[in-house]
């Protein structure tokens, strides 16, 4: 991965193998334009994406079709010091066909994904599952 400062509080990050790029902007409340994900938005998105990925691995092992799983993500910032204080993720799936035991396996997998385990314990992770 590479990152480059583009000016005006905007960066570009590139994944070298695929050459895919993402842009970040500082948020409006921190002197930015807010026209793209902020770096802290990416942290919250990384948590939900990691949880979905690990649940996908477990779902495949259990022969569960996880397609259509959605996550609504809310990031809460504290002011002093300016940092993420909480990430709230609500997972939903309209037609998940899984046993109660399989659902518990999926929940455990989500809560122990690598990003969840890498974040500071000072960041509260509030996770709900609606399926």
Foldseek 3Di string as FASTA:
>chain_A
DDKDDPDQQKMWDADVVVRDIAMAWDCPVVNTDNPGHHPVSVLLVVLVVQLVVQLVVLCVVVVWDCPQKDKDWDWDFDVVVTDTQEIEIEIEHDDTDDDPVSVVVSVVSSCPGPSNVVDDPSYHYHYHYHD
